């Protein structure tokens, strides 16, 4: 079970990154007041893709840790 801490933290971080990028995309659709920077959609899209890739990688790590735990328990068993 200790092997799950790192991927769970990674999943949480990926969720946060994705949410922030999605909020940036939503703000891009809103009119910007004069003198205020608009959101760069390409940066937000790249951030969303990075979050997705991070999420997928952390899911794979969690599955591998689970498989290792199952194998260990079967060996002890």
PDB file of N, CA and C in Angstrom:
ATOM      1  N   UNK A   1       0.800  -1.196   0.000  1.00  0.00           N
ATOM      2  CA  UNK A   1       0.000   0.000   0.000  1.00  0.00           C
ATOM      3  C   UNK A   1       0.848   1.268   0.000  1.00  0.00           C
ATOM      4  N   UNK A   2       2.055   1.194   0.538  1.00  0.00           N
ATOM      5  CA  UNK A   2       2.908   2.371   0.557  1.00  0.00           C
ATOM      6  C   UNK A   2       3.284   2.821  -0.845  1.00  0.00           C
ATOM      7  N   UNK A   3       3.290   1.893  -1.785  1.00  0.00           N
ATOM      8  CA  UNK A   3       3.622   2.228  -3.157  1.00  0.00           C
ATOM      9  C   UNK A   3       2.553   3.047  -3.857  1.00  0.00           C
ATOM     10  N   UNK A   4       1.427   3.256  -3.209  1.00  0.00           N
ATOM     11  CA  UNK A   4       0.322   3.996  -3.821  1.00  0.00           C
ATOM     12  C   UNK A   4       0.365   5.490  -3.502  1.00  0.00           C
ATOM     13  N   UNK A   5       1.169   5.890  -2.524  1.00  0.00           N
ATOM     14  CA  UNK A   5       1.184   7.292  -2.110  1.00  0.00           C
ATOM     15  C   UNK A   5       1.656   8.186  -3.249  1.00  0.00           C
ATOM     16  N   UNK A   6       2.735   7.818  -3.885  1.00  0.00           N
ATOM     17  CA  UNK A   6       3.308   8.644  -4.951  1.00  0.00           C
ATOM     18  C   UNK A   6       2.362   8.785  -6.148  1.00  0.00           C
ATOM     19  N   UNK A   7       1.808   7.692  -6.673  1.00  0.00           N
ATOM     20  CA  UNK A   7       0.896   7.882  -7.813  1.00  0.00           C
ATOM     21  C   UNK A   7      -0.380   8.636  -7.440  1.00  0.00           C
ATOM     22  N   UNK A   8      -0.865   8.471  -6.221  1.00  0.00           N
ATOM     23  CA  UNK A   8      -2.058   9.215  -5.819  1.00  0.00           C
ATOM     24  C   UNK A   8      -1.767  10.713  -5.740  1.00  0.00           C
ATOM     25  N   UNK A   9      -0.600  11.071  -5.232  1.00  0.00           N
ATOM     26  CA  UNK A   9      -0.210  12.487  -5.236  1.00  0.00           C
ATOM     27  C   UNK A   9      -0.074  12.999  -6.668  1.00  0.00           C
ATOM     28  N   UNK A  10       0.485  12.178  -7.543  1.00  0.00           N
ATOM     29  CA  UNK A  10       0.610  12.560  -8.945  1.00  0.00           C
ATOM     30  C   UNK A  10      -0.746  12.757  -9.613  1.00  0.00           C
ATOM     31  N   UNK A  11      -1.702  11.893  -9.283  1.00  0.00           N
ATOM     32  CA  UNK A  11      -3.059  12.043  -9.827  1.00  0.00           C
ATOM     33  C   UNK A  11      -3.689  13.340  -9.343  1.00  0.00           C
ATOM     34  N   UNK A  12      -3.489  13.655  -8.082  1.00  0.00           N
ATOM     35  CA  UNK A  12      -4.030  14.895  -7.533  1.00  0.00           C
ATOM     36  C   UNK A  12      -3.410  16.111  -8.225  1.00  0.00           C
ATOM     37  N   UNK A  13      -2.099  16.058  -8.431  1.00  0.00           N
ATOM     38  CA  UNK A  13      -1.421  17.170  -9.116  1.00  0.00           C
ATOM     39  C   UNK A  13      -1.900  17.312 -10.558  1.00  0.00           C
ATOM     40  N   UNK A  14      -2.088  16.187 -11.237  1.00  0.00           N
ATOM     41  CA  UNK A  14      -2.576  16.229 -12.625  1.00  0.00           C
ATOM     42  C   UNK A  14      -3.983  16.807 -12.679  1.00  0.00           C
ATOM     43  N   UNK A  15      -4.809  16.454 -11.702  1.00  0.00           N
ATOM     44  CA  UNK A  15      -6.166  17.005 -11.659  1.00  0.00           C
ATOM     45  C   UNK A  15      -6.132  18.519 -11.462  1.00  0.00           C
ATOM     46  N   UNK A  16      -5.266  18.973 -10.575  1.00  0.00           N
ATOM     47  CA  UNK A  16      -5.140  20.407 -10.327  1.00  0.00           C
ATOM     48  C   UNK A  16      -4.676  21.138 -11.576  1.00  0.00           C
ATOM     49  N   UNK A  17      -3.668  20.576 -12.252  1.00  0.00           N
ATOM     50  CA  UNK A  17      -3.139  21.200 -13.470  1.00  0.00           C
ATOM     51  C   UNK A  17      -4.222  21.259 -14.549  1.00  0.00           C
ATOM     52  N   UNK A  18      -4.965  20.176 -14.703  1.00  0.00           N
ATOM     53  CA  UNK A  18      -6.012  20.129 -15.717  1.00  0.00           C
ATOM     54  C   UNK A  18      -7.116  21.149 -15.412  1.00  0.00           C
ATOM     55  N   UNK A  19      -7.512  21.235 -14.149  1.00  0.00           N
ATOM     56  CA  UNK A  19      -8.555  22.167 -13.758  1.00  0.00           C
ATOM     57  C   UNK A  19      -8.135  23.609 -14.012  1.00  0.00           C
ATOM     58  N   UNK A  20      -6.898  23.928 -13.687  1.00  0.00           N
ATOM     59  CA  UNK A  20      -6.409  25.282 -13.933  1.00  0.00           C
ATOM     60  C   UNK A  20      -6.392  25.599 -15.424  1.00  0.00           C
ATOM     61  N   UNK A  21      -5.942  24.647 -16.226  1.00  0.00           N
ATOM     62  CA  UNK A  21      -5.913  24.868 -17.674  1.00  0.00           C
ATOM     63  C   UNK A  21      -7.327  25.010 -18.234  1.00  0.00           C
ATOM     64  N   UNK A  22      -8.251  24.195 -17.740  1.00  0.00           N
ATOM     65  CA  UNK A  22      -9.636  24.289 -18.203  1.00  0.00           C
ATOM     66  C   UNK A  22     -10.244  25.637 -17.821  1.00  0.00           C
ATOM     67  N   UNK A  23      -9.936  26.112 -16.629  1.00  0.00           N
ATOM     68  CA  UNK A  23     -10.419  27.437 -16.220  1.00  0.00           C
ATOM     69  C   UNK A  23      -9.846  28.530 -17.120  1.00  0.00           C
ATOM     70  N   UNK A  24      -8.599  28.373 -17.539  1.00  0.00           N
ATOM     71  CA  UNK A  24      -7.989  29.345 -18.455  1.00  0.00           C
ATOM     72  C   UNK A  24      -8.706  29.358 -19.799  1.00  0.00           C
ATOM     73  N   UNK A  25      -9.097  28.192 -20.264  1.00  0.00           N
ATOM     74  CA  UNK A  25      -9.824  28.110 -21.533  1.00  0.00           C
ATOM     75  C   UNK A  25     -11.179  28.802 -21.409  1.00  0.00           C
ATOM     76  N   UNK A  26     -11.851  28.594 -20.299  1.00  0.00           N
ATOM     77  CA  UNK A  26     -13.145  29.242 -20.076  1.00  0.00           C
ATOM     78  C   UNK A  26     -12.971  30.756 -20.035  1.00  0.00           C
ATOM     79  N   UNK A  27     -11.924  31.214 -19.350  1.00  0.00           N
ATOM     80  CA  UNK A  27     -11.690  32.658 -19.280  1.00  0.00           C
ATOM     81  C   UNK A  27     -11.389  33.243 -20.657  1.00  0.00           C
ATOM     82  N   UNK A  28     -10.841  32.431 -21.544  1.00  0.00           N
ATOM     83  CA  UNK A  28     -10.534  32.924 -22.892  1.00  0.00           C
ATOM     84  C   UNK A  28     -11.806  33.274 -23.657  1.00  0.00           C
ATOM     85  N   UNK A  29     -12.901  32.619 -23.309  1.00  0.00           N
ATOM     86  CA  UNK A  29     -14.163  32.879 -23.999  1.00  0.00           C
ATOM     87  C   UNK A  29     -14.833  34.157 -23.502  1.00  0.00           C
ATOM     88  N   UNK A  30     -14.398  34.630 -22.345  1.00  0.00           N
ATOM     89  CA  UNK A  30     -14.994  35.836 -21.778  1.00  0.00           C
ATOM     90  C   UNK A  30     -14.291  37.077 -22.324  1.00  0.00           C
ATOM     91  N   UNK A  31     -15.002  38.171 -22.458  1.00  0.00           N
ATOM     92  CA  UNK A  31     -14.344  39.405 -22.927  1.00  0.00           C
ATOM     93  C   UNK A  31     -13.346  39.902 -21.869  1.00  0.00           C
ATOM     94  N   UNK A  32     -12.187  40.369 -22.326  1.00  0.00           N
ATOM     95  CA  UNK A  32     -11.177  40.862 -21.397  1.00  0.00           C
ATOM     96  C   UNK A  32     -11.264  42.372 -21.273  1.00  0.00           C
ATOM     97  N   UNK A  33     -11.127  42.868 -20.057  1.00  0.00           N
ATOM     98  CA  UNK A  33     -11.136  44.320 -19.869  1.00  0.00           C
ATOM     99  C   UNK A  33      -9.922  44.949 -20.546  1.00  0.00           C
ATOM    100  N   UNK A  34     -10.023  46.189 -20.947  1.00  0.00           N
ATOM    101  CA  UNK A  34      -8.880  46.849 -21.588  1.00  0.00           C
ATOM    102  C   UNK A  34      -7.663  46.860 -20.665  1.00  0.00           C
ATOM    103  N   UNK A  35      -6.518  46.585 -21.236  1.00  0.00           N
ATOM    104  CA  UNK A  35      -5.272  46.592 -20.487  1.00  0.00           C
ATOM    105  C   UNK A  35      -4.966  45.302 -19.764  1.00  0.00           C
ATOM    106  N   UNK A  36      -5.820  44.293 -19.880  1.00  0.00           N
ATOM    107  CA  UNK A  36      -5.581  43.020 -19.214  1.00  0.00           C
ATOM    108  C   UNK A  36      -5.230  41.967 -20.256  1.00  0.00           C
ATOM    109  N   UNK A  37      -4.269  41.105 -19.921  1.00  0.00           N
ATOM    110  CA  UNK A  37      -3.835  40.075 -20.859  1.00  0.00           C
ATOM    111  C   UNK A  37      -4.935  39.045 -21.059  1.00  0.00           C
ATOM    112  N   UNK A  38      -5.041  38.548 -22.282  1.00  0.00           N
ATOM    113  CA  UNK A  38      -5.973  37.461 -22.557  1.00  0.00           C
ATOM    114  C   UNK A  38      -5.243  36.133 -22.358  1.00  0.00           C
ATOM    115  N   UNK A  39      -5.992  35.066 -22.297  1.00  0.00           N
ATOM    116  CA  UNK A  39      -5.429  33.738 -22.082  1.00  0.00           C
ATOM    117  C   UNK A  39      -4.880  33.199 -23.400  1.00  0.00           C
ATOM    118  N   UNK A  40      -3.716  32.595 -23.322  1.00  0.00           N
ATOM    119  CA  UNK A  40      -3.121  31.971 -24.494  1.00  0.00           C
ATOM    120  C   UNK A  40      -3.666  30.545 -24.604  1.00  0.00           C
ATOM    121  N   UNK A  41      -4.519  30.297 -25.598  1.00  0.00           N
ATOM    122  CA  UNK A  41      -5.161  28.993 -25.733  1.00  0.00           C
ATOM    123  C   UNK A  41      -4.173  27.873 -26.014  1.00  0.00           C
ATOM    124  N   UNK A  42      -3.112  28.162 -26.760  1.00  0.00           N
ATOM    125  CA  UNK A  42      -2.146  27.101 -27.049  1.00  0.00           C
ATOM    126  C   UNK A  42      -1.432  26.664 -25.775  1.00  0.00           C
ATOM    127  N   UNK A  43      -1.128  27.600 -24.889  1.00  0.00           N
ATOM    128  CA  UNK A  43      -0.499  27.246 -23.618  1.00  0.00           C
ATOM    129  C   UNK A  43      -1.448  26.418 -22.764  1.00  0.00           C
ATOM    130  N   UNK A  44      -2.718  26.803 -22.738  1.00  0.00           N
ATOM    131  CA  UNK A  44      -3.709  26.054 -21.971  1.00  0.00           C
ATOM    132  C   UNK A  44      -3.886  24.647 -22.540  1.00  0.00           C
ATOM    133  N   UNK A  45      -3.893  24.509 -23.859  1.00  0.00           N
ATOM    134  CA  UNK A  45      -4.052  23.194 -24.480  1.00  0.00           C
ATOM    135  C   UNK A  45      -2.863  22.299 -24.163  1.00  0.00           C
ATOM    136  N   UNK A  46      -1.663  22.853 -24.227  1.00  0.00           N
ATOM    137  CA  UNK A  46      -0.463  22.068 -23.898  1.00  0.00           C
ATOM    138  C   UNK A  46      -0.516  21.630 -22.437  1.00  0.00           C
ATOM    139  N   UNK A  47      -0.937  22.519 -21.564  1.00  0.00           N
ATOM    140  CA  UNK A  47      -1.040  22.184 -20.146  1.00  0.00           C
ATOM    141  C   UNK A  47      -2.052  21.071 -19.914  1.00  0.00           C
ATOM    142  N   UNK A  48      -3.161  21.111 -20.640  1.00  0.00           N
ATOM    143  CA  UNK A  48      -4.164  20.052 -20.505  1.00  0.00           C
ATOM    144  C   UNK A  48      -3.622  18.717 -21.001  1.00  0.00           C
ATOM    145  N   UNK A  49      -2.865  18.728 -22.086  1.00  0.00           N
ATOM    146  CA  UNK A  49      -2.262  17.492 -22.589  1.00  0.00           C
ATOM    147  C   UNK A  49      -1.223  16.949 -21.614  1.00  0.00           C
ATOM    148  N   UNK A  50      -0.432  17.833 -21.021  1.00  0.00           N
ATOM    149  CA  UNK A  50       0.550  17.401 -20.024  1.00  0.00           C
ATOM    150  C   UNK A  50      -0.147  16.775 -18.821  1.00  0.00           C
ATOM    151  N   UNK A  51      -1.244  17.384 -18.393  1.00  0.00           N
ATOM    152  CA  UNK A  51      -1.999  16.847 -17.266  1.00  0.00           C
ATOM    153  C   UNK A  51      -2.552  15.459 -17.605  1.00  0.00           C
ATOM    154  N   UNK A  52      -3.071  15.314 -18.805  1.00  0.00           N
ATOM    155  CA  UNK A  52      -3.593  14.007 -19.224  1.00  0.00           C
ATOM    156  C   UNK A  52      -2.502  12.954 -19.226  1.00  0.00           C
ATOM    157  N   UNK A  53      -1.333  13.301 -19.788  1.00  0.00           N
ATOM    158  CA  UNK A  53      -0.224  12.345 -19.837  1.00  0.00           C
ATOM    159  C   UNK A  53       0.262  11.990 -18.437  1.00  0.00           C
ATOM    160  N   UNK A  54       0.317  12.969 -17.569  1.00  0.00           N
ATOM    161  CA  UNK A  54       0.718  12.726 -16.190  1.00  0.00           C
ATOM    162  C   UNK A  54      -0.287  11.822 -15.486  1.00  0.00           C
ATOM    163  N   UNK A  55      -1.565  12.076 -15.718  1.00  0.00           N
ATOM    164  CA  UNK A  55      -2.615  11.251 -15.126  1.00  0.00           C
ATOM    165  C   UNK A  55      -2.475   9.802 -15.584  1.00  0.00           C
ATOM    166  N   UNK A  56      -2.306   9.604 -16.895  1.00  0.00           N
ATOM    167  CA  UNK A  56      -2.168   8.247 -17.438  1.00  0.00           C
ATOM    168  C   UNK A  56      -0.937   7.541 -16.874  1.00  0.00           C
ATOM    169  N   UNK A  57       0.174   8.258 -16.763  1.00  0.00           N
ATOM    170  CA  UNK A  57       1.398   7.653 -16.232  1.00  0.00           C
ATOM    171  C   UNK A  57       1.209   7.251 -14.772  1.00  0.00           C
ATOM    172  N   UNK A  58       0.553   8.093 -13.994  1.00  0.00           N
ATOM    173  CA  UNK A  58       0.336   7.774 -12.588  1.00  0.00           C
ATOM    174  C   UNK A  58      -0.643   6.622 -12.403  1.00  0.00           C
ATOM    175  N   UNK A  59      -1.611   6.498 -13.286  1.00  0.00           N
ATOM    176  CA  UNK A  59      -2.518   5.349 -13.233  1.00  0.00           C
ATOM    177  C   UNK A  59      -1.733   4.063 -13.494  1.00  0.00           C
ATOM    178  N   UNK A  60      -0.815   4.092 -14.454  1.00  0.00           N
ATOM    179  CA  UNK A  60       0.001   2.912 -14.742  1.00  0.00           C
ATOM    180  C   UNK A  60       0.881   2.549 -13.553  1.00  0.00           C
ATOM    181  N   UNK A  61       1.447   3.551 -12.892  1.00  0.00           N
ATOM    182  CA  UNK A  61       2.265   3.291 -11.705  1.00  0.00           C
ATOM    183  C   UNK A  61       1.408   2.669 -10.607  1.00  0.00           C
ATOM    184  N   UNK A  62       0.207   3.196 -10.404  1.00  0.00           N
ATOM    185  CA  UNK A  62      -0.682   2.649  -9.379  1.00  0.00           C
ATOM    186  C   UNK A  62      -1.059   1.200  -9.691  1.00  0.00           C
ATOM    187  N   UNK A  63      -1.342   0.900 -10.967  1.00  0.00           N
ATOM    188  CA  UNK A  63      -1.670  -0.478 -11.351  1.00  0.00           C
ATOM    189  C   UNK A  63      -0.485  -1.401 -11.119  1.00  0.00           C
ATOM    190  N   UNK A  64       0.718  -0.942 -11.444  1.00  0.00           N
ATOM    191  CA  UNK A  64       1.908  -1.757 -11.232  1.00  0.00           C
ATOM    192  C   UNK A  64       2.135  -2.004  -9.748  1.00  0.00           C
ATOM    193  N   UNK A  65       1.966  -0.985  -8.916  1.00  0.00           N
ATOM    194  CA  UNK A  65       2.120  -1.151  -7.470  1.00  0.00           C
ATOM    195  C   UNK A  65       1.092  -2.144  -6.937  1.00  0.00           C
ATOM    196  N   UNK A  66      -0.131  -2.066  -7.456  1.00  0.00           N
ATOM    197  CA  UNK A  66      -1.178  -2.998  -7.040  1.00  0.00           C
ATOM    198  C   UNK A  66      -0.809  -4.425  -7.437  1.00  0.00           C
ATOM    199  N   UNK A  67      -0.302  -4.600  -8.652  1.00  0.00           N
ATOM    200  CA  UNK A  67       0.121  -5.930  -9.107  1.00  0.00           C
ATOM    201  C   UNK A  67       1.252  -6.474  -8.237  1.00  0.00           C
ATOM    202  N   UNK A  68       2.191  -5.611  -7.882  1.00  0.00           N
ATOM    203  CA  UNK A  68       3.294  -6.037  -7.017  1.00  0.00           C
ATOM    204  C   UNK A  68       2.788  -6.444  -5.641  1.00  0.00           C
ATOM    205  N   UNK A  69       1.841  -5.673  -5.089  1.00  0.00           N
ATOM    206  CA  UNK A  69       1.257  -6.028  -3.796  1.00  0.00           C
ATOM    207  C   UNK A  69       0.551  -7.381  -3.870  1.00  0.00           C
ATOM    208  N   UNK A  70      -0.208  -7.613  -4.939  1.00  0.00           N
ATOM    209  CA  UNK A  70      -0.908  -8.891  -5.099  1.00  0.00           C
ATOM    210  C   UNK A  70       0.080 -10.043  -5.190  1.00  0.00           C
ATOM    211  N   UNK A  71       1.144  -9.860  -5.961  1.00  0.00           N
ATOM    212  CA  UNK A  71       2.160 -10.900  -6.105  1.00  0.00           C
ATOM    213  C   UNK A  71       2.815 -11.209  -4.770  1.00  0.00           C
ATOM    214  N   UNK A  72       3.153 -10.161  -4.037  1.00  0.00           N
ATOM    215  CA  UNK A  72       3.773 -10.356  -2.725  1.00  0.00           C
ATOM    216  C   UNK A  72       2.847 -11.092  -1.771  1.00  0.00           C
ATOM    217  N   UNK A  73       1.573 -10.700  -1.750  1.00  0.00           N
ATOM    218  CA  UNK A  73       0.614 -11.380  -0.878  1.00  0.00           C
ATOM    219  C   UNK A  73       0.419 -12.845  -1.286  1.00  0.00           C
ATOM    220  N   UNK A  74       0.430 -13.126  -2.570  1.00  0.00           N
ATOM    221  CA  UNK A  74       0.298 -14.512  -3.027  1.00  0.00           C
ATOM    222  C   UNK A  74       1.517 -15.344  -2.647  1.00  0.00           C
ATOM    223  N   UNK A  75       2.693 -14.715  -2.658  1.00  0.00           N
ATOM    224  CA  UNK A  75       3.916 -15.429  -2.269  1.00  0.00           C
ATOM    225  C   UNK A  75       3.928 -15.722  -0.767  1.00  0.00           C
ATOM    226  N   UNK A  76       3.417 -14.793   0.018  1.00  0.00           N
ATOM    227  CA  UNK A  76       3.383 -14.963   1.472  1.00  0.00           C
ATOM    228  C   UNK A  76       2.312 -15.963   1.854  1.00  0.00           C
ATOM    229  N   UNK A  77       1.212 -15.884   1.166  1.00  0.00           N
ATOM    230  CA  UNK A  77       0.093 -16.543   1.341  1.00  0.00           C
ATOM    231  C   UNK A  77      -0.726 -17.508   1.802  1.00  0.00           C
TER     232      UNK A  77
END
